[in-house]
Amino acid sequence: MKIPNRIRYVNKKFTNRLMMKIAGKKLSPIVLIEHVGRCSGKVYQTPIMASRHDDGFMFALTYGKEVDWYKNILASQEAKLTFGGMSYQLINPVNVSPKTGQDAFKPPKNSILRVIGIEDFFFMKINNTISGD
């Protein structure tokens, strides 16, 4: 299951603007992913949910696999992530099973992901640590 498109629309137009103010900062539960448009070449930033896992990061596709930011990452095979005040260059997105994805998140996030039925997750490896605040 994924979050309905009408909620996605509200989040994209309103909630994400607020989340951009805290995304990626120290102690923030939201990370900021930077990706390049696969057609436009424009740089975009999107606030999302991710978790540090092994030698990279796990991502929950709460709106499913059809979102533009995910398609952009698949096309380029890379992204920049700001997490906890640090920036990382990520490479090689790989889809993972729902269990692997959910288990990578700590409580209460993993419980929320299970309850709302999120089944799409992917992992990206850290290629380089870029900077810190």
Foldseek 3Di string as FASTA:
>chain_A
DADDVVVVVCCVVPVFVVVVVPALAAPDQWKKKWFAQPPPRDIDITIAGWADDDQWIKGFPRHDCPDRRNVRCVNVQWIWMRHNQWIFIWGHKDWDFQVVRLVRDDPPVSVVCVVVPGTTMIITGTPGTDDGD
